[in-house]
Structures are given as C-alpha cells and as structure tokens.
Amino acid sequence: MREEFIGLEVEVSASPHPGYMMSGKVVDETRNTIVIRHDGRDSIVPKAMNEFTFTYEGEKIKILGSEVQHRPEDRIKRIK
C-alpha cells in the first residue's frame, strides 16, 4: 500500500500480545510503530510481529507490519 496511513481506520487483526488487539484511527507512524487512537487515548503498537487491517476507500486491506517497517516517507517512495 503506497498511501499515507495517518487518518485511516485500522484494526490490529493478529498479534502475539493480547494488549495490542485494538481498533481505531492512525494518528502517527514511525519506522517501527503505529500510534492508534482508540477509546479516547493513543496507544503505540509496534509494526513487527503484528498484522493490521486498514480501511482504505471502503476496502479492507490486510498488511503484515514487518512488510511496512520503513519510515513513512521511504515506504511511499519504495512500494509500487
């Protein structure tokens, strides 16, 4: 996915850590983490070892966090 994640609805669809299972809106992203706003607070979720389901233009897209473990600006340039 070559789009910006910030502002998209996201669900952590698979994680080895039960505390990361959540859904909400992406409010920030770094090379290794995604910040999700849910229940009125922000939670930092590592990309590694987690699977995310993003809602983009009404479509659900599953992405392994390890596949997008780049700085956001590099990912947008790199993935086609």
N, C-alpha and C. Protein backbone atom coordinates (compact mmCIF):
# COMPACT_ATOMS: atom_id res chain seq x y z
N MET A 1 0.85 -1.17 0.00
CA MET A 1 0.00 0.00 0.00
C MET A 1 0.89 1.24 0.00
N ARG A 2 0.68 2.08 -0.95
CA ARG A 2 1.56 3.22 -1.15
C ARG A 2 1.01 4.51 -0.53
N GLU A 3 -0.10 4.45 0.14
CA GLU A 3 -0.74 5.63 0.71
C GLU A 3 -0.27 5.92 2.12
N GLU A 4 -0.56 7.11 2.57
CA GLU A 4 -0.29 7.53 3.94
C GLU A 4 -1.25 6.79 4.88
N PHE A 5 -0.75 6.28 5.99
CA PHE A 5 -1.59 5.57 6.96
C PHE A 5 -2.31 6.52 7.91
N ILE A 6 -1.72 7.68 8.17
CA ILE A 6 -2.30 8.60 9.15
C ILE A 6 -3.68 9.03 8.67
N GLY A 7 -4.65 8.89 9.55
CA GLY A 7 -6.03 9.23 9.25
C GLY A 7 -6.89 8.04 8.88
N LEU A 8 -6.27 6.89 8.57
CA LEU A 8 -7.03 5.70 8.20
C LEU A 8 -7.54 4.97 9.44
N GLU A 9 -8.67 4.30 9.29
CA GLU A 9 -9.16 3.39 10.32
C GLU A 9 -8.32 2.13 10.24
N VAL A 10 -7.96 1.57 11.40
CA VAL A 10 -7.11 0.39 11.44
C VAL A 10 -7.56 -0.53 12.56
N GLU A 11 -7.32 -1.81 12.35
CA GLU A 11 -7.57 -2.82 13.38
C GLU A 11 -6.32 -3.69 13.45
N VAL A 12 -5.85 -3.97 14.66
CA VAL A 12 -4.76 -4.93 14.82
C VAL A 12 -5.44 -6.29 14.77
N SER A 13 -5.29 -6.99 13.64
CA SER A 13 -6.04 -8.22 13.41
C SER A 13 -5.34 -9.47 13.92
N ALA A 14 -4.04 -9.39 14.16
CA ALA A 14 -3.30 -10.51 14.74
C ALA A 14 -2.08 -9.96 15.47
N SER A 15 -1.87 -10.48 16.68
CA SER A 15 -0.74 -10.03 17.49
C SER A 15 -0.40 -11.10 18.51
N PRO A 16 0.89 -11.30 18.79
CA PRO A 16 1.27 -12.25 19.84
C PRO A 16 0.98 -11.68 21.24
N HIS A 17 0.73 -10.39 21.32
CA HIS A 17 0.47 -9.73 22.61
C HIS A 17 -0.99 -9.29 22.65
N PRO A 18 -1.80 -9.84 23.54
CA PRO A 18 -3.23 -9.51 23.56
C PRO A 18 -3.52 -8.03 23.83
N GLY A 19 -2.61 -7.33 24.45
CA GLY A 19 -2.82 -5.91 24.74
C GLY A 19 -2.78 -5.03 23.50
N TYR A 20 -2.27 -5.55 22.39
CA TYR A 20 -2.22 -4.78 21.15
C TYR A 20 -3.46 -4.96 20.29
N MET A 21 -4.35 -5.87 20.65
CA MET A 21 -5.56 -6.11 19.87
C MET A 21 -6.52 -4.94 20.10
N MET A 22 -6.64 -4.07 19.09
CA MET A 22 -7.49 -2.89 19.21
C MET A 22 -7.83 -2.39 17.82
N SER A 23 -8.73 -1.43 17.77
CA SER A 23 -9.04 -0.77 16.51
C SER A 23 -9.25 0.71 16.79
N GLY A 24 -9.05 1.51 15.76
CA GLY A 24 -9.19 2.95 15.91
C GLY A 24 -8.64 3.65 14.70
N LYS A 25 -8.19 4.87 14.90
CA LYS A 25 -7.67 5.71 13.81
C LYS A 25 -6.17 5.90 13.99
N VAL A 26 -5.42 5.80 12.90
CA VAL A 26 -3.98 6.03 12.93
C VAL A 26 -3.75 7.53 13.10
N VAL A 27 -3.01 7.92 14.15
CA VAL A 27 -2.72 9.34 14.39
C VAL A 27 -1.25 9.67 14.18
N ASP A 28 -0.39 8.65 14.11
CA ASP A 28 1.03 8.89 13.85
C ASP A 28 1.66 7.57 13.43
N GLU A 29 2.82 7.68 12.78
CA GLU A 29 3.54 6.50 12.33
C GLU A 29 5.03 6.82 12.33
N THR A 30 5.83 5.86 12.77
CA THR A 30 7.28 5.94 12.68
C THR A 30 7.77 4.72 11.92
N ARG A 31 9.06 4.57 11.84
CA ARG A 31 9.63 3.41 11.15
C ARG A 31 9.16 2.10 11.76
N ASN A 32 9.07 2.04 13.09
CA ASN A 32 8.78 0.79 13.77
C ASN A 32 7.43 0.73 14.47
N THR A 33 6.69 1.83 14.50
CA THR A 33 5.44 1.84 15.27
C THR A 33 4.31 2.53 14.52
N ILE A 34 3.11 2.21 14.97
CA ILE A 34 1.90 2.91 14.54
C ILE A 34 1.20 3.37 15.81
N VAL A 35 0.78 4.63 15.86
CA VAL A 35 0.05 5.15 17.01
C VAL A 35 -1.43 5.15 16.65
N ILE A 36 -2.22 4.43 17.46
CA ILE A 36 -3.66 4.26 17.21
C ILE A 36 -4.44 4.95 18.31
N ARG A 37 -5.39 5.80 17.91
CA ARG A 37 -6.28 6.45 18.88
C ARG A 37 -7.54 5.60 19.00
N HIS A 38 -7.77 5.09 20.21
CA HIS A 38 -8.97 4.29 20.47
C HIS A 38 -9.42 4.56 21.90
N ASP A 39 -10.70 4.55 22.09
CA ASP A 39 -11.28 4.82 23.42
C ASP A 39 -10.75 6.11 24.02
N GLY A 40 -10.50 7.12 23.18
CA GLY A 40 -10.08 8.43 23.67
C GLY A 40 -8.63 8.54 24.10
N ARG A 41 -7.82 7.53 23.82
CA ARG A 41 -6.39 7.62 24.17
C ARG A 41 -5.55 7.05 23.03
N ASP A 42 -4.28 7.42 23.03
CA ASP A 42 -3.35 6.96 21.99
C ASP A 42 -2.53 5.79 22.51
N SER A 43 -2.39 4.76 21.67
CA SER A 43 -1.59 3.59 22.02
C SER A 43 -0.56 3.37 20.93
N ILE A 44 0.67 3.09 21.34
CA ILE A 44 1.76 2.82 20.41
C ILE A 44 1.83 1.31 20.20
N VAL A 45 1.73 0.91 18.94
CA VAL A 45 1.75 -0.52 18.59
C VAL A 45 2.95 -0.75 17.67
N PRO A 46 3.84 -1.69 18.03
CA PRO A 46 4.97 -1.97 17.13
C PRO A 46 4.49 -2.63 15.84
N LYS A 47 5.14 -2.34 14.74
CA LYS A 47 4.78 -2.95 13.47
C LYS A 47 5.22 -4.42 13.44
N ALA A 48 6.40 -4.70 13.95
CA ALA A 48 6.94 -6.06 13.92
C ALA A 48 6.00 -7.02 14.66
N MET A 49 5.80 -8.18 14.09
CA MET A 49 5.03 -9.29 14.66
C MET A 49 3.53 -9.00 14.77
N ASN A 50 3.03 -7.93 14.20
CA ASN A 50 1.60 -7.64 14.22
C ASN A 50 1.06 -7.56 12.81
N GLU A 51 -0.22 -7.90 12.66
CA GLU A 51 -0.90 -7.78 11.38
C GLU A 51 -2.00 -6.73 11.52
N PHE A 52 -2.09 -5.86 10.54
CA PHE A 52 -3.03 -4.74 10.58
C PHE A 52 -4.02 -4.86 9.44
N THR A 53 -5.26 -4.46 9.70
CA THR A 53 -6.28 -4.36 8.66
C THR A 53 -6.68 -2.90 8.56
N PHE A 54 -6.32 -2.27 7.44
CA PHE A 54 -6.63 -0.86 7.21
C PHE A 54 -7.89 -0.77 6.36
N THR A 55 -8.70 0.26 6.61
CA THR A 55 -9.84 0.56 5.76
C THR A 55 -9.46 1.73 4.88
N TYR A 56 -9.36 1.47 3.58
CA TYR A 56 -8.95 2.49 2.63
C TYR A 56 -9.98 2.56 1.50
N GLU A 57 -10.63 3.70 1.36
CA GLU A 57 -11.67 3.92 0.36
C GLU A 57 -12.73 2.82 0.42
N GLY A 58 -13.14 2.46 1.64
CA GLY A 58 -14.18 1.47 1.85
C GLY A 58 -13.74 0.03 1.72
N GLU A 59 -12.49 -0.20 1.43
CA GLU A 59 -11.96 -1.55 1.24
C GLU A 59 -11.06 -1.93 2.41
N LYS A 60 -11.15 -3.17 2.88
CA LYS A 60 -10.29 -3.67 3.96
C LYS A 60 -9.03 -4.25 3.34
N ILE A 61 -7.87 -3.81 3.85
CA ILE A 61 -6.58 -4.26 3.33
C ILE A 61 -5.74 -4.78 4.49
N LYS A 62 -5.36 -6.07 4.43
CA LYS A 62 -4.51 -6.66 5.48
C LYS A 62 -3.05 -6.49 5.10
N ILE A 63 -2.26 -6.06 6.09
CA ILE A 63 -0.84 -5.84 5.86
C ILE A 63 -0.06 -6.35 7.08
N LEU A 64 0.99 -7.11 6.82
CA LEU A 64 1.90 -7.51 7.89
C LEU A 64 2.76 -6.31 8.25
N GLY A 65 2.88 -6.03 9.54
CA GLY A 65 3.67 -4.89 9.98
C GLY A 65 5.11 -4.96 9.52
N SER A 66 5.67 -6.16 9.46
CA SER A 66 7.06 -6.31 9.04
C SER A 66 7.26 -5.89 7.58
N GLU A 67 6.21 -5.93 6.77
CA GLU A 67 6.31 -5.54 5.36
C GLU A 67 6.33 -4.02 5.17
N VAL A 68 5.91 -3.28 6.18
CA VAL A 68 5.88 -1.81 6.07
C VAL A 68 6.76 -1.17 7.14
N GLN A 69 7.79 -1.90 7.54
CA GLN A 69 8.69 -1.41 8.57
C GLN A 69 9.76 -0.50 7.96
N HIS A 70 9.29 0.62 7.47
CA HIS A 70 10.15 1.66 6.89
C HIS A 70 9.65 2.99 7.41
N ARG A 71 10.46 4.01 7.25
CA ARG A 71 9.96 5.36 7.55
C ARG A 71 8.82 5.62 6.57
N PRO A 72 7.77 6.30 7.03
CA PRO A 72 6.62 6.52 6.14
C PRO A 72 7.00 7.13 4.79
N GLU A 73 7.88 8.12 4.79
CA GLU A 73 8.24 8.76 3.53
C GLU A 73 9.02 7.83 2.61
N ASP A 74 9.80 6.90 3.18
CA ASP A 74 10.52 5.93 2.35
C ASP A 74 9.57 4.87 1.80
N ARG A 75 8.60 4.45 2.61
CA ARG A 75 7.65 3.44 2.16
C ARG A 75 6.82 3.96 0.98
N ILE A 76 6.40 5.19 1.04
CA ILE A 76 5.59 5.76 -0.02
C ILE A 76 6.37 5.81 -1.33
N LYS A 77 7.67 6.10 -1.25
CA LYS A 77 8.51 6.15 -2.46
C LYS A 77 8.84 4.75 -2.96
N ARG A 78 9.05 3.78 -2.06
CA ARG A 78 9.58 2.47 -2.39
C ARG A 78 8.53 1.51 -2.95
N ILE A 79 7.38 1.42 -2.34
CA ILE A 79 6.37 0.43 -2.72
C ILE A 79 5.57 0.94 -3.90
N LYS A 80 5.37 0.08 -4.87
CA LYS A 80 4.60 0.47 -6.07
C LYS A 80 3.38 -0.37 -6.21
